[in-house]
Amino acid sequence: MIEVKDLVYSYIAENSKPEEILKNINISIQKGEFVAVLGHNGSGKSTFAKHLNAILLPMGGKVYIDGIDTSRQEHLWDVRSRVGMVFQNPDNQIVASIVEEDVAFAPENLSVPPEEIRRRVDDALETVGMSEYKNHSPHMLSGGQKQRVAIAGIIAMKPDIIVMDEPTAMLDPIGRREVMKTIEDLNSIYGITIVLITHNMDEAVKAKRVVVIDSGKVIIDDTPRNVFKNVELLRQIGLDVPQATLLAYELRQKGFNIRDDVLTVDECTEEIYKLCR
């Protein structure tokens, strides 16, 4: 579904040399996958995300979406109809004064027939659990609810892929849980391919695959369980690990016999319980 080959991108600031942000990135993502992309600030993860629906175009290499070359101007509409983007701040994506009108905005601009728009809006709001708020003002909603409305607006476009660039970064814990539950359902129930850009390790654990980017390069690409075994490496590049993983790691450093692939609180609790028996 997504094929990134030797992707190179540089930012060019006025009166300074180009700064290479992405350096020969190679990533393949299959239809229906849920992939988390991790990296510290400035690692290039958000720049990578913007290449997936042609907000940015490669300076070297290629990005293909369902076989379509994103660098071809005549294919721009096809790429963006297949890939929806959800950004960090939902207020930047909300354009209408009523929730259902906001969700209808994108399909209206795609010239979808009115009766089909009505069906898509209702389905999208139901999918994200926001049907009861369809006649509310988006600006009266909580941060998590706003983000779910923004996601509904993307779902109404019927994309094959949704790329989310740190969608929970501005949310409180309740809003974060609401949005992550929505993301998991979109993938597991509806089969939408999800690319989640995040620096939250507990969110990355929920993905089926984790890609770690550092200084514009992919340094790890594996399952969450295998990625978070690399506690020292992740620390060296300025990333954390899930709290349960860190506790298990610290106990192993003290000589306790605990698995090196603990990810969740329940798993960590079980390992500690075994030590006490």
C-alpha atoms as a PDB file:
ATOM      1  CA  MET A   1       0.000   0.000   0.000  1.00  0.00           C
ATOM      2  CA  ILE A   2       2.920   2.335   0.797  1.00  0.00           C
ATOM      3  CA  GLU A   3       6.357   1.924  -0.788  1.00  0.00           C
ATOM      4  CA  VAL A   4       9.108   4.391   0.132  1.00  0.00           C
ATOM      5  CA  LYS A   5      12.362   3.924  -1.794  1.00  0.00           C
ATOM      6  CA  ASP A   6      15.582   5.821  -0.976  1.00  0.00           C
ATOM      7  CA  LEU A   7      13.604   8.901   0.116  1.00  0.00           C
ATOM      8  CA  VAL A   8      15.726  12.023   0.540  1.00  0.00           C
ATOM      9  CA  TYR A   9      14.494  15.441   1.653  1.00  0.00           C
ATOM     10  CA  SER A  10      16.257  18.644   2.724  1.00  0.00           C
ATOM     11  CA  TYR A  11      14.995  21.911   4.171  1.00  0.00           C
ATOM     12  CA  ILE A  12      16.583  24.975   2.632  1.00  0.00           C
ATOM     13  CA  ALA A  13      16.669  27.998   4.931  1.00  0.00           C
ATOM     14  CA  GLU A  14      17.489  31.468   3.628  1.00  0.00           C
ATOM     15  CA  ASN A  15      21.227  32.220   3.542  1.00  0.00           C
ATOM     16  CA  SER A  16      22.207  28.783   4.823  1.00  0.00           C
ATOM     17  CA  LYS A  17      23.171  25.404   3.471  1.00  0.00           C
ATOM     18  CA  PRO A  18      20.437  22.795   2.873  1.00  0.00           C
ATOM     19  CA  GLU A  19      19.790  20.626   5.927  1.00  0.00           C
ATOM     20  CA  GLU A  20      19.183  17.008   4.997  1.00  0.00           C
ATOM     21  CA  ILE A  21      16.234  15.770   7.070  1.00  0.00           C
ATOM     22  CA  LEU A  22      15.530  12.382   5.470  1.00  0.00           C
ATOM     23  CA  LYS A  23      18.422  10.221   4.312  1.00  0.00           C
ATOM     24  CA  ASN A  24      17.613   7.288   2.031  1.00  0.00           C
ATOM     25  CA  ILE A  25      14.491   6.118   3.857  1.00  0.00           C
ATOM     26  CA  ASN A  26      13.189   2.713   2.762  1.00  0.00           C
ATOM     27  CA  ILE A  27       9.864   1.505   4.188  1.00  0.00           C
ATOM     28  CA  SER A  28       7.122  -0.795   2.891  1.00  0.00           C
ATOM     29  CA  ILE A  29       3.679  -0.858   4.543  1.00  0.00           C
ATOM     30  CA  GLN A  30       1.071  -3.437   3.603  1.00  0.00           C
ATOM     31  CA  LYS A  31      -2.677  -2.923   3.339  1.00  0.00           C
ATOM     32  CA  GLY A  32      -4.332  -3.130   6.772  1.00  0.00           C
ATOM     33  CA  GLU A  33      -1.143  -2.660   8.811  1.00  0.00           C
ATOM     34  CA  PHE A  34      -0.960  -0.463  11.911  1.00  0.00           C
ATOM     35  CA  VAL A  35       2.515   1.064  11.980  1.00  0.00           C
ATOM     36  CA  ALA A  36       3.843   3.486  14.601  1.00  0.00           C
ATOM     37  CA  VAL A  37       6.739   5.760  13.626  1.00  0.00           C
ATOM     38  CA  LEU A  38       8.864   6.902  16.569  1.00  0.00           C
ATOM     39  CA  GLY A  39      11.546   9.538  16.848  1.00  0.00           C
ATOM     40  CA  HIS A  40      12.563  12.464  19.006  1.00  0.00           C
ATOM     41  CA  ASN A  41      11.876  16.054  17.960  1.00  0.00           C
ATOM     42  CA  GLY A  42      13.809  16.851  14.796  1.00  0.00           C
ATOM     43  CA  SER A  43      14.328  13.205  13.839  1.00  0.00           C
ATOM     44  CA  GLY A  44      12.384  13.585  10.580  1.00  0.00           C
ATOM     45  CA  LYS A  45       9.248  11.606  11.460  1.00  0.00           C
ATOM     46  CA  SER A  46       6.772  14.421  10.703  1.00  0.00           C
ATOM     47  CA  THR A  47       8.612  15.265   7.483  1.00  0.00           C
ATOM     48  CA  PHE A  48       8.260  11.607   6.517  1.00  0.00           C
ATOM     49  CA  ALA A  49       4.513  11.709   7.291  1.00  0.00           C
ATOM     50  CA  LYS A  50       3.971  14.694   4.994  1.00  0.00           C
ATOM     51  CA  HIS A  51       5.429  12.738   2.096  1.00  0.00           C
ATOM     52  CA  LEU A  52       2.724  10.100   2.369  1.00  0.00           C
ATOM     53  CA  ASN A  53       0.004  12.328   0.937  1.00  0.00           C
ATOM     54  CA  ALA A  54       2.237  14.600  -1.112  1.00  0.00           C
ATOM     55  CA  ILE A  55       2.228  17.628   1.175  1.00  0.00           C
ATOM     56  CA  LEU A  56       5.971  17.350   0.595  1.00  0.00           C
ATOM     57  CA  LEU A  57       7.550  15.785  -2.495  1.00  0.00           C
ATOM     58  CA  PRO A  58      10.795  13.776  -2.568  1.00  0.00           C
ATOM     59  CA  MET A  59      14.043  15.532  -3.443  1.00  0.00           C
ATOM     60  CA  GLY A  60      15.484  12.104  -4.053  1.00  0.00           C
ATOM     61  CA  GLY A  61      14.006   8.634  -4.244  1.00  0.00           C
ATOM     62  CA  LYS A  62      10.323   7.790  -4.638  1.00  0.00           C
ATOM     63  CA  VAL A  63       7.127   7.416  -2.630  1.00  0.00           C
ATOM     64  CA  TYR A  64       4.389   5.189  -4.047  1.00  0.00           C
ATOM     65  CA  ILE A  65       0.845   5.008  -2.683  1.00  0.00           C
ATOM     66  CA  ASP A  66      -0.997   1.954  -3.976  1.00  0.00           C
ATOM     67  CA  GLY A  67       1.469   1.990  -6.878  1.00  0.00           C
ATOM     68  CA  ILE A  68       0.968   5.718  -7.617  1.00  0.00           C
ATOM     69  CA  ASP A  69       4.068   7.932  -7.809  1.00  0.00           C
ATOM     70  CA  THR A  70       3.420  10.913  -5.474  1.00  0.00           C
ATOM     71  CA  SER A  71       5.880  13.143  -7.350  1.00  0.00           C
ATOM     72  CA  ARG A  72       3.710  13.179 -10.495  1.00  0.00           C
ATOM     73  CA  GLN A  73       1.536  16.308 -10.411  1.00  0.00           C
ATOM     74  CA  GLU A  74      -1.231  14.639 -12.405  1.00  0.00           C
ATOM     75  CA  HIS A  75      -1.554  11.990  -9.664  1.00  0.00           C
ATOM     76  CA  LEU A  76      -1.927  14.417  -6.745  1.00  0.00           C
ATOM     77  CA  TRP A  77      -5.724  14.023  -6.541  1.00  0.00           C
ATOM     78  CA  ASP A  78      -5.465  10.222  -6.605  1.00  0.00           C
ATOM     79  CA  VAL A  79      -2.878  10.208  -3.803  1.00  0.00           C
ATOM     80  CA  ARG A  80      -4.845  12.524  -1.542  1.00  0.00           C
ATOM     81  CA  SER A  81      -8.089  10.651  -2.101  1.00  0.00           C
ATOM     82  CA  ARG A  82      -6.327   7.509  -0.830  1.00  0.00           C
ATOM     83  CA  VAL A  83      -4.425   9.032   2.099  1.00  0.00           C
ATOM     84  CA  GLY A  84      -6.109  11.091   4.816  1.00  0.00           C
ATOM     85  CA  MET A  85      -4.064  13.209   7.260  1.00  0.00           C
ATOM     86  CA  VAL A  86      -4.883  13.966  10.888  1.00  0.00           C
ATOM     87  CA  PHE A  87      -2.690  16.573  12.544  1.00  0.00           C
ATOM     88  CA  GLN A  88      -1.676  17.377  16.102  1.00  0.00           C
ATOM     89  CA  ASN A  89      -4.085  20.273  16.644  1.00  0.00           C
ATOM     90  CA  PRO A  90      -7.713  19.423  15.720  1.00  0.00           C
ATOM     91  CA  ASP A  91      -8.621  23.124  15.626  1.00  0.00           C
ATOM     92  CA  ASN A  92      -6.484  23.420  12.482  1.00  0.00           C
ATOM     93  CA  GLN A  93      -8.724  20.913  10.682  1.00  0.00           C
ATOM     94  CA  ILE A  94     -12.158  22.014  11.872  1.00  0.00           C
ATOM     95  CA  VAL A  95     -13.731  24.473   9.414  1.00  0.00           C
ATOM     96  CA  ALA A  96     -17.480  24.491  10.155  1.00  0.00           C
ATOM     97  CA  SER A  97     -19.609  25.684  13.053  1.00  0.00           C
ATOM     98  CA  ILE A  98     -21.619  22.427  13.320  1.00  0.00           C
ATOM     99  CA  VAL A  99     -20.059  18.979  13.752  1.00  0.00           C
ATOM    100  CA  GLU A 100     -21.935  17.216  10.928  1.00  0.00           C
ATOM    101  CA  GLU A 101     -21.228  20.108   8.538  1.00  0.00           C
ATOM    102  CA  ASP A 102     -17.541  19.827   9.315  1.00  0.00           C
ATOM    103  CA  VAL A 103     -17.515  16.083   8.626  1.00  0.00           C
ATOM    104  CA  ALA A 104     -19.350  16.731   5.337  1.00  0.00           C
ATOM    105  CA  PHE A 105     -16.819  19.341   4.170  1.00  0.00           C
ATOM    106  CA  ALA A 106     -14.324  16.964   2.524  1.00  0.00           C
ATOM    107  CA  PRO A 107     -16.808  14.763   0.632  1.00  0.00           C
ATOM    108  CA  GLU A 108     -18.607  17.890  -0.573  1.00  0.00           C
ATOM    109  CA  ASN A 109     -15.315  19.092  -2.059  1.00  0.00           C
ATOM    110  CA  LEU A 110     -14.886  15.674  -3.681  1.00  0.00           C
ATOM    111  CA  SER A 111     -18.271  16.228  -5.447  1.00  0.00           C
ATOM    112  CA  VAL A 112     -19.870  13.270  -3.685  1.00  0.00           C
ATOM    113  CA  PRO A 113     -23.666  13.184  -4.262  1.00  0.00           C
ATOM    114  CA  PRO A 114     -25.717  14.674  -1.368  1.00  0.00           C
ATOM    115  CA  GLU A 115     -27.443  11.409  -0.400  1.00  0.00           C
ATOM    116  CA  GLU A 116     -24.068   9.651  -0.265  1.00  0.00           C
ATOM    117  CA  ILE A 117     -22.620  12.503   1.849  1.00  0.00           C
ATOM    118  CA  ARG A 118     -25.485  12.085   4.350  1.00  0.00           C
ATOM    119  CA  ARG A 119     -24.734   8.375   4.649  1.00  0.00           C
ATOM    120  CA  ARG A 120     -20.964   8.915   4.954  1.00  0.00           C
ATOM    121  CA  VAL A 121     -21.344  11.595   7.636  1.00  0.00           C
ATOM    122  CA  ASP A 122     -23.657   9.408   9.723  1.00  0.00           C
ATOM    123  CA  ASP A 123     -21.377   6.379   9.329  1.00  0.00           C
ATOM    124  CA  ALA A 124     -18.211   8.360  10.144  1.00  0.00           C
ATOM    125  CA  LEU A 125     -19.696   9.921  13.297  1.00  0.00           C
ATOM    126  CA  GLU A 126     -20.945   6.529  14.441  1.00  0.00           C
ATOM    127  CA  THR A 127     -17.511   5.009  13.810  1.00  0.00           C
ATOM    128  CA  VAL A 128     -15.797   7.519  16.124  1.00  0.00           C
ATOM    129  CA  GLY A 129     -18.594   7.525  18.699  1.00  0.00           C
ATOM    130  CA  MET A 130     -19.688  11.112  18.094  1.00  0.00           C
ATOM    131  CA  SER A 131     -23.202  10.683  16.606  1.00  0.00           C
ATOM    132  CA  GLU A 132     -24.927  12.323  19.583  1.00  0.00           C
ATOM    133  CA  TYR A 133     -22.853  15.478  19.033  1.00  0.00           C
ATOM    134  CA  LYS A 134     -23.630  15.920  15.327  1.00  0.00           C
ATOM    135  CA  ASN A 135     -25.563  19.163  15.893  1.00  0.00           C
ATOM    136  CA  HIS A 136     -23.111  20.610  18.427  1.00  0.00           C
ATOM    137  CA  SER A 137     -20.552  23.317  17.824  1.00  0.00           C
ATOM    138  CA  PRO A 138     -17.082  21.711  17.526  1.00  0.00           C
ATOM    139  CA  HIS A 139     -15.565  24.511  19.580  1.00  0.00           C
ATOM    140  CA  MET A 140     -17.672  23.522  22.591  1.00  0.00           C
ATOM    141  CA  LEU A 141     -16.210  19.996  22.620  1.00  0.00           C
ATOM    142  CA  SER A 142     -13.270  18.637  24.589  1.00  0.00           C
ATOM    143  CA  GLY A 143      -9.885  18.162  22.914  1.00  0.00           C
ATOM    144  CA  GLY A 144     -10.414  14.419  22.518  1.00  0.00           C
ATOM    145  CA  GLN A 145     -13.886  14.933  21.050  1.00  0.00           C
ATOM    146  CA  LYS A 146     -12.565  17.533  18.592  1.00  0.00           C
ATOM    147  CA  GLN A 147      -9.871  15.139  17.446  1.00  0.00           C
ATOM    148  CA  ARG A 148     -12.475  12.419  16.903  1.00  0.00           C
ATOM    149  CA  VAL A 149     -14.509  14.855  14.801  1.00  0.00           C
ATOM    150  CA  ALA A 150     -11.373  15.605  12.758  1.00  0.00           C
ATOM    151  CA  ILE A 151     -10.861  11.851  12.274  1.00  0.00           C
ATOM    152  CA  ALA A 152     -14.528  11.475  11.244  1.00  0.00           C
ATOM    153  CA  GLY A 153     -13.967  14.130   8.588  1.00  0.00           C
ATOM    154  CA  ILE A 154     -11.153  12.035   7.158  1.00  0.00           C
ATOM    155  CA  ILE A 155     -13.157   8.776   7.379  1.00  0.00           C
ATOM    156  CA  ALA A 156     -15.961  10.427   5.364  1.00  0.00           C
ATOM    157  CA  MET A 157     -13.500  10.736   2.463  1.00  0.00           C
ATOM    158  CA  LYS A 158     -13.250   6.914   2.417  1.00  0.00           C
ATOM    159  CA  PRO A 159      -9.430   6.810   2.349  1.00  0.00           C
ATOM    160  CA  ASP A 160      -7.481   3.552   2.246  1.00  0.00           C
ATOM    161  CA  ILE A 161      -4.803   4.972   4.552  1.00  0.00           C
ATOM    162  CA  ILE A 162      -4.923   7.407   7.472  1.00  0.00           C
ATOM    163  CA  VAL A 163      -1.686   9.088   8.567  1.00  0.00           C
ATOM    164  CA  MET A 164      -1.827  10.615  12.041  1.00  0.00           C
ATOM    165  CA  ASP A 165       0.873  13.086  13.029  1.00  0.00           C
ATOM    166  CA  GLU A 166       0.970  13.067  16.852  1.00  0.00           C
ATOM    167  CA  PRO A 167      -2.850  13.264  17.152  1.00  0.00           C
ATOM    168  CA  THR A 168      -2.837  12.933  20.957  1.00  0.00           C
ATOM    169  CA  ALA A 169       0.010  15.350  21.749  1.00  0.00           C
ATOM    170  CA  MET A 170      -2.299  18.173  22.863  1.00  0.00           C
ATOM    171  CA  LEU A 171      -4.810  15.987  24.721  1.00  0.00           C
ATOM    172  CA  ASP A 172      -5.334  15.085  28.371  1.00  0.00           C
ATOM    173  CA  PRO A 173      -5.197  11.381  29.408  1.00  0.00           C
ATOM    174  CA  ILE A 174      -8.944  10.871  28.876  1.00  0.00           C
ATOM    175  CA  GLY A 175      -8.850  12.428  25.404  1.00  0.00           C
ATOM    176  CA  ARG A 176      -5.756  10.391  24.573  1.00  0.00           C
ATOM    177  CA  ARG A 177      -7.500   7.144  25.492  1.00  0.00           C
ATOM    178  CA  GLU A 178     -10.580   8.085  23.433  1.00  0.00           C
ATOM    179  CA  VAL A 179      -8.532   8.837  20.326  1.00  0.00           C
ATOM    180  CA  MET A 180      -6.323   5.745  20.654  1.00  0.00           C
ATOM    181  CA  LYS A 181      -9.415   3.538  21.004  1.00  0.00           C
ATOM    182  CA  THR A 182     -10.777   5.102  17.801  1.00  0.00           C
ATOM    183  CA  ILE A 183      -7.479   4.505  15.977  1.00  0.00           C
ATOM    184  CA  GLU A 184      -7.348   0.859  17.070  1.00  0.00           C
ATOM    185  CA  ASP A 185     -10.960   0.294  15.950  1.00  0.00           C
ATOM    186  CA  LEU A 186     -10.329   1.890  12.542  1.00  0.00           C
ATOM    187  CA  ASN A 187      -7.552  -0.618  11.996  1.00  0.00           C
ATOM    188  CA  SER A 188      -8.904  -3.784  13.607  1.00  0.00           C
ATOM    189  CA  ILE A 189     -12.609  -3.454  12.710  1.00  0.00           C
ATOM    190  CA  TYR A 190     -12.581  -1.447   9.476  1.00  0.00           C
ATOM    191  CA  GLY A 191      -9.218  -2.596   8.080  1.00  0.00           C
ATOM    192  CA  ILE A 192      -7.894   0.912   7.419  1.00  0.00           C
ATOM    193  CA  THR A 193      -4.124   1.136   7.091  1.00  0.00           C
ATOM    194  CA  ILE A 194      -2.835   3.349   9.924  1.00  0.00           C
ATOM    195  CA  VAL A 195       0.483   5.200  10.136  1.00  0.00           C
ATOM    196  CA  LEU A 196       0.782   6.793  13.580  1.00  0.00           C
ATOM    197  CA  ILE A 197       3.552   9.331  14.113  1.00  0.00           C
ATOM    198  CA  THR A 198       4.182   9.588  17.844  1.00  0.00           C
ATOM    199  CA  HIS A 199       6.719  10.014  20.615  1.00  0.00           C
ATOM    200  CA  ASN A 200       4.446   8.295  23.151  1.00  0.00           C
ATOM    201  CA  MET A 201       5.815   4.819  23.815  1.00  0.00           C
ATOM    202  CA  ASP A 202       2.605   3.465  25.349  1.00  0.00           C
ATOM    203  CA  GLU A 203       0.757   4.404  22.144  1.00  0.00           C
ATOM    204  CA  ALA A 204       3.403   2.739  19.989  1.00  0.00           C
ATOM    205  CA  VAL A 205       2.917  -0.518  21.915  1.00  0.00           C
ATOM    206  CA  LYS A 206      -0.597  -0.764  20.459  1.00  0.00           C
ATOM    207  CA  ALA A 207       0.728  -0.873  16.886  1.00  0.00           C
ATOM    208  CA  LYS A 208       1.576  -4.123  15.120  1.00  0.00           C
ATOM    209  CA  ARG A 209       4.907  -2.707  13.965  1.00  0.00           C
ATOM    210  CA  VAL A 210       7.214   0.088  15.095  1.00  0.00           C
ATOM    211  CA  VAL A 211       9.635   2.044  12.906  1.00  0.00           C
ATOM    212  CA  VAL A 212      12.242   4.129  14.740  1.00  0.00           C
ATOM    213  CA  ILE A 213      13.744   7.107  12.892  1.00  0.00           C
ATOM    214  CA  ASP A 214      16.822   8.934  14.143  1.00  0.00           C
ATOM    215  CA  SER A 215      18.679  11.730  12.329  1.00  0.00           C
ATOM    216  CA  GLY A 216      16.692  11.038   9.188  1.00  0.00           C
ATOM    217  CA  LYS A 217      17.436   7.317   9.029  1.00  0.00           C
ATOM    218  CA  VAL A 218      15.472   4.177   9.902  1.00  0.00           C
ATOM    219  CA  ILE A 219      17.413   2.444  12.663  1.00  0.00           C
ATOM    220  CA  ILE A 220      14.861  -0.172  13.806  1.00  0.00           C
ATOM    221  CA  ASP A 221      11.823  -1.683  12.070  1.00  0.00           C
ATOM    222  CA  ASP A 222      10.208  -4.546  13.977  1.00  0.00           C
ATOM    223  CA  THR A 223       7.373  -5.581  16.290  1.00  0.00           C
ATOM    224  CA  PRO A 224       6.878  -3.486  19.468  1.00  0.00           C
ATOM    225  CA  ARG A 225       8.082  -6.388  21.591  1.00  0.00           C
ATOM    226  CA  ASN A 226      11.379  -6.629  19.706  1.00  0.00           C
ATOM    227  CA  VAL A 227      11.863  -2.869  19.362  1.00  0.00           C
ATOM    228  CA  PHE A 228      11.480  -2.110  23.070  1.00  0.00           C
ATOM    229  CA  LYS A 229      13.991  -4.766  24.045  1.00  0.00           C
ATOM    230  CA  ASN A 230      16.593  -2.210  22.885  1.00  0.00           C
ATOM    231  CA  VAL A 231      16.348  -0.048  26.006  1.00  0.00           C
ATOM    232  CA  GLU A 232      19.942   1.230  25.865  1.00  0.00           C
ATOM    233  CA  LEU A 233      19.822   2.050  22.151  1.00  0.00           C
ATOM    234  CA  LEU A 234      16.522   3.910  22.477  1.00  0.00           C
ATOM    235  CA  ARG A 235      17.882   5.883  25.420  1.00  0.00           C
ATOM    236  CA  GLN A 236      21.002   6.807  23.447  1.00  0.00           C
ATOM    237  CA  ILE A 237      18.871   8.436  20.739  1.00  0.00           C
ATOM    238  CA  GLY A 238      16.721  10.313  23.253  1.00  0.00           C
ATOM    239  CA  LEU A 239      13.673   8.043  23.397  1.00  0.00           C
ATOM    240  CA  ASP A 240      11.949   6.443  26.351  1.00  0.00           C
ATOM    241  CA  VAL A 241      10.404   2.989  26.592  1.00  0.00           C
ATOM    242  CA  PRO A 242       7.036   2.012  28.109  1.00  0.00           C
ATOM    243  CA  GLN A 243       7.091   2.363  31.903  1.00  0.00           C
ATOM    244  CA  ALA A 244       6.487  -1.356  32.458  1.00  0.00           C
ATOM    245  CA  THR A 245       9.373  -2.172  30.120  1.00  0.00           C
ATOM    246  CA  LEU A 246      11.657   0.234  31.976  1.00  0.00           C
ATOM    247  CA  LEU A 247      10.778  -1.245  35.367  1.00  0.00           C
ATOM    248  CA  ALA A 248      11.481  -4.764  34.110  1.00  0.00           C
ATOM    249  CA  TYR A 249      14.779  -3.547  32.625  1.00  0.00           C
ATOM    250  CA  GLU A 250      15.859  -1.921  35.895  1.00  0.00           C
ATOM    251  CA  LEU A 251      15.027  -5.108  37.816  1.00  0.00           C
ATOM    252  CA  ARG A 252      17.082  -7.179  35.372  1.00  0.00           C
ATOM    253  CA  GLN A 253      19.983  -4.765  35.894  1.00  0.00           C
ATOM    254  CA  LYS A 254      19.721  -5.575  39.610  1.00  0.00           C
ATOM    255  CA  GLY A 255      20.021  -9.294  38.886  1.00  0.00           C
ATOM    256  CA  PHE A 256      16.376 -10.353  38.904  1.00  0.00           C
ATOM    257  CA  ASN A 257      15.323 -12.983  36.366  1.00  0.00           C
ATOM    258  CA  ILE A 258      12.659 -11.113  34.379  1.00  0.00           C
ATOM    259  CA  ARG A 259      11.776 -11.377  30.673  1.00  0.00           C
ATOM    260  CA  ASP A 260      13.418  -8.773  28.432  1.00  0.00           C
ATOM    261  CA  ASP A 261      10.301  -8.251  26.282  1.00  0.00           C
ATOM    262  CA  VAL A 262       7.801  -6.983  28.879  1.00  0.00           C
ATOM    263  CA  LEU A 263       5.500  -4.331  27.426  1.00  0.00           C
ATOM    264  CA  THR A 264       2.443  -3.924  29.652  1.00  0.00           C
ATOM    265  CA  VAL A 265       1.676  -3.419  33.323  1.00  0.00           C
ATOM    266  CA  ASP A 266      -0.053  -6.810  33.441  1.00  0.00           C
ATOM    267  CA  GLU A 267       3.004  -8.558  32.007  1.00  0.00           C
ATOM    268  CA  CYS A 268       5.302  -6.777  34.442  1.00  0.00           C
ATOM    269  CA  THR A 269       3.022  -7.651  37.364  1.00  0.00           C
ATOM    270  CA  GLU A 270       3.034 -11.302  36.345  1.00  0.00           C
ATOM    271  CA  GLU A 271       6.847 -11.368  36.181  1.00  0.00           C
ATOM    272  CA  ILE A 272       7.200  -9.763  39.618  1.00  0.00           C
ATOM    273  CA  TYR A 273       4.633 -12.180  41.035  1.00  0.00           C
ATOM    274  CA  LYS A 274       6.733 -15.124  39.774  1.00  0.00           C
ATOM    275  CA  LEU A 275       9.728 -13.725  41.670  1.00  0.00           C
ATOM    276  CA  CYS A 276       7.750 -13.634  44.894  1.00  0.00           C
ATOM    277  CA  ARG A 277       6.502 -17.207  44.762  1.00  0.00           C
END
